[in-house]
Amino acid sequence: MSAINREQVGHLAELARIEMSDEELARVAGELDLIVESVASVSQAAGDDVPATSHPLPLHNVFREDVVGETLTQEEALSNAPDSQDGKFRVPAILDGE
């Protein structure tokens, strides 16, 4: 027996105010039913002995020393800027009055 049928899809489409043809209703009902069946089969395969996971690989933080490295001087950073003023990048205003 199908978990999702054409009438249910039609009802949801009506609630969402989505106009669907009979062919679309039948196709979407089949696709949704396949999705529900696939999820059910995975749920059956995962038993109590299988721990729930959010990621297939273990995750861990990698820390390193926060050391300041070689940086550009203000002049070097602004050297290729199309426009600068008072040691800062100058860009066109995008908001009026601010």
C-alpha atoms as a PDB file:
ATOM      1  CA  MET A   1       0.000   0.000   0.000  1.00  0.00           C
ATOM      2  CA  SER A   2       1.245   3.490  -0.839  1.00  0.00           C
ATOM      3  CA  ALA A   3       2.101   5.852   1.986  1.00  0.00           C
ATOM      4  CA  ILE A   4       1.408   8.891  -0.220  1.00  0.00           C
ATOM      5  CA  ASN A   5      -1.410   8.911  -2.750  1.00  0.00           C
ATOM      6  CA  ARG A   6      -2.635  11.299  -5.436  1.00  0.00           C
ATOM      7  CA  GLU A   7      -5.482  12.623  -3.291  1.00  0.00           C
ATOM      8  CA  GLN A   8      -3.103  13.583  -0.464  1.00  0.00           C
ATOM      9  CA  VAL A   9      -0.803  15.399  -2.883  1.00  0.00           C
ATOM     10  CA  GLY A  10      -3.821  17.144  -4.391  1.00  0.00           C
ATOM     11  CA  HIS A  11      -4.968  18.244  -0.932  1.00  0.00           C
ATOM     12  CA  LEU A  12      -1.514  19.619  -0.079  1.00  0.00           C
ATOM     13  CA  ALA A  13      -1.293  21.383  -3.433  1.00  0.00           C
ATOM     14  CA  GLU A  14      -4.673  22.961  -2.753  1.00  0.00           C
ATOM     15  CA  LEU A  15      -3.576  24.139   0.712  1.00  0.00           C
ATOM     16  CA  ALA A  16      -0.388  25.592  -0.759  1.00  0.00           C
ATOM     17  CA  ARG A  17      -2.375  27.126  -3.621  1.00  0.00           C
ATOM     18  CA  ILE A  18      -0.293  25.277  -6.206  1.00  0.00           C
ATOM     19  CA  GLU A  19      -2.078  24.367  -9.408  1.00  0.00           C
ATOM     20  CA  MET A  20      -1.110  20.882 -10.582  1.00  0.00           C
ATOM     21  CA  SER A  21      -2.318  18.778 -13.500  1.00  0.00           C
ATOM     22  CA  ASP A  22      -3.464  15.180 -13.030  1.00  0.00           C
ATOM     23  CA  GLU A  23      -0.180  13.969 -14.522  1.00  0.00           C
ATOM     24  CA  GLU A  24       1.836  16.112 -12.103  1.00  0.00           C
ATOM     25  CA  LEU A  25      -0.208  14.889  -9.138  1.00  0.00           C
ATOM     26  CA  ALA A  26       0.383  11.274 -10.105  1.00  0.00           C
ATOM     27  CA  ARG A  27       4.115  11.824 -10.709  1.00  0.00           C
ATOM     28  CA  VAL A  28       4.690  13.735  -7.459  1.00  0.00           C
ATOM     29  CA  ALA A  29       2.676  11.179  -5.489  1.00  0.00           C
ATOM     30  CA  GLY A  30       4.910   8.418  -6.862  1.00  0.00           C
ATOM     31  CA  GLU A  31       8.091  10.370  -6.092  1.00  0.00           C
ATOM     32  CA  LEU A  32       6.995  11.203  -2.539  1.00  0.00           C
ATOM     33  CA  ASP A  33       5.918   7.609  -1.941  1.00  0.00           C
ATOM     34  CA  LEU A  34       9.371   6.407  -3.054  1.00  0.00           C
ATOM     35  CA  ILE A  35      11.018   8.862  -0.642  1.00  0.00           C
ATOM     36  CA  VAL A  36       8.853   7.685   2.258  1.00  0.00           C
ATOM     37  CA  GLU A  37       9.614   4.028   1.438  1.00  0.00           C
ATOM     38  CA  SER A  38      13.357   4.766   1.237  1.00  0.00           C
ATOM     39  CA  VAL A  39      13.364   6.484   4.632  1.00  0.00           C
ATOM     40  CA  ALA A  40      11.392   3.583   6.113  1.00  0.00           C
ATOM     41  CA  SER A  41      13.900   1.041   4.780  1.00  0.00           C
ATOM     42  CA  VAL A  42      16.816   2.993   6.257  1.00  0.00           C
ATOM     43  CA  SER A  43      14.966   3.263   9.571  1.00  0.00           C
ATOM     44  CA  GLN A  44      14.516  -0.523   9.631  1.00  0.00           C
ATOM     45  CA  ALA A  45      18.214  -1.104   8.927  1.00  0.00           C
ATOM     46  CA  ALA A  46      19.318   1.140  11.789  1.00  0.00           C
ATOM     47  CA  GLY A  47      18.680  -0.924  14.892  1.00  0.00           C
ATOM     48  CA  ASP A  48      19.241  -0.189  18.563  1.00  0.00           C
ATOM     49  CA  ASP A  49      22.868  -1.289  18.263  1.00  0.00           C
ATOM     50  CA  VAL A  50      23.622   1.463  15.715  1.00  0.00           C
ATOM     51  CA  PRO A  51      24.404   4.783  17.431  1.00  0.00           C
ATOM     52  CA  ALA A  52      22.816   7.945  16.073  1.00  0.00           C
ATOM     53  CA  THR A  53      25.311  10.206  14.351  1.00  0.00           C
ATOM     54  CA  SER A  54      25.244  13.688  12.911  1.00  0.00           C
ATOM     55  CA  HIS A  55      28.312  13.074  10.753  1.00  0.00           C
ATOM     56  CA  PRO A  56      29.809   9.875   9.321  1.00  0.00           C
ATOM     57  CA  LEU A  57      33.348  10.792  10.400  1.00  0.00           C
ATOM     58  CA  PRO A  58      34.446  11.846  13.870  1.00  0.00           C
ATOM     59  CA  LEU A  59      35.030  15.586  14.120  1.00  0.00           C
ATOM     60  CA  HIS A  60      37.545  17.326  16.318  1.00  0.00           C
ATOM     61  CA  ASN A  61      38.902  20.838  16.658  1.00  0.00           C
ATOM     62  CA  VAL A  62      42.406  21.526  15.456  1.00  0.00           C
ATOM     63  CA  PHE A  63      44.129  24.219  17.462  1.00  0.00           C
ATOM     64  CA  ARG A  64      47.304  26.082  16.643  1.00  0.00           C
ATOM     65  CA  GLU A  65      49.159  28.970  18.169  1.00  0.00           C
ATOM     66  CA  ASP A  66      47.724  32.343  17.190  1.00  0.00           C
ATOM     67  CA  VAL A  67      50.918  33.994  15.999  1.00  0.00           C
ATOM     68  CA  VAL A  68      51.035  37.188  13.971  1.00  0.00           C
ATOM     69  CA  GLY A  69      52.851  36.501  10.729  1.00  0.00           C
ATOM     70  CA  GLU A  70      54.154  38.757   8.013  1.00  0.00           C
ATOM     71  CA  THR A  71      51.592  41.420   7.145  1.00  0.00           C
ATOM     72  CA  LEU A  72      51.292  44.207   4.612  1.00  0.00           C
ATOM     73  CA  THR A  73      51.904  47.774   5.560  1.00  0.00           C
ATOM     74  CA  GLN A  74      49.051  50.220   5.121  1.00  0.00           C
ATOM     75  CA  GLU A  75      50.738  51.648   2.022  1.00  0.00           C
ATOM     76  CA  GLU A  76      51.235  48.161   0.509  1.00  0.00           C
ATOM     77  CA  ALA A  77      47.597  47.225   1.162  1.00  0.00           C
ATOM     78  CA  LEU A  78      46.346  50.414  -0.504  1.00  0.00           C
ATOM     79  CA  SER A  79      48.874  50.388  -3.366  1.00  0.00           C
ATOM     80  CA  ASN A  80      46.504  48.759  -5.899  1.00  0.00           C
ATOM     81  CA  ALA A  81      43.265  50.261  -4.586  1.00  0.00           C
ATOM     82  CA  PRO A  82      41.390  52.224  -7.252  1.00  0.00           C
ATOM     83  CA  ASP A  83      40.685  54.966  -4.706  1.00  0.00           C
ATOM     84  CA  SER A  84      41.818  55.667  -1.154  1.00  0.00           C
ATOM     85  CA  GLN A  85      41.585  58.519   1.310  1.00  0.00           C
ATOM     86  CA  ASP A  86      43.209  59.089   4.706  1.00  0.00           C
ATOM     87  CA  GLY A  87      44.809  55.631   4.679  1.00  0.00           C
ATOM     88  CA  LYS A  88      41.539  53.795   3.986  1.00  0.00           C
ATOM     89  CA  PHE A  89      39.826  52.230   0.985  1.00  0.00           C
ATOM     90  CA  ARG A  90      37.349  54.648  -0.557  1.00  0.00           C
ATOM     91  CA  VAL A  91      34.223  53.080  -2.067  1.00  0.00           C
ATOM     92  CA  PRO A  92      30.988  54.506  -3.486  1.00  0.00           C
ATOM     93  CA  ALA A  93      28.235  55.139  -0.949  1.00  0.00           C
ATOM     94  CA  ILE A  94      25.425  52.589  -1.067  1.00  0.00           C
ATOM     95  CA  LEU A  95      23.112  54.091   1.558  1.00  0.00           C
ATOM     96  CA  ASP A  96      21.842  57.642   1.453  1.00  0.00           C
ATOM     97  CA  GLY A  97      22.335  59.854   4.483  1.00  0.00           C
ATOM     98  CA  GLU A  98      24.556  57.509   6.468  1.00  0.00           C
END
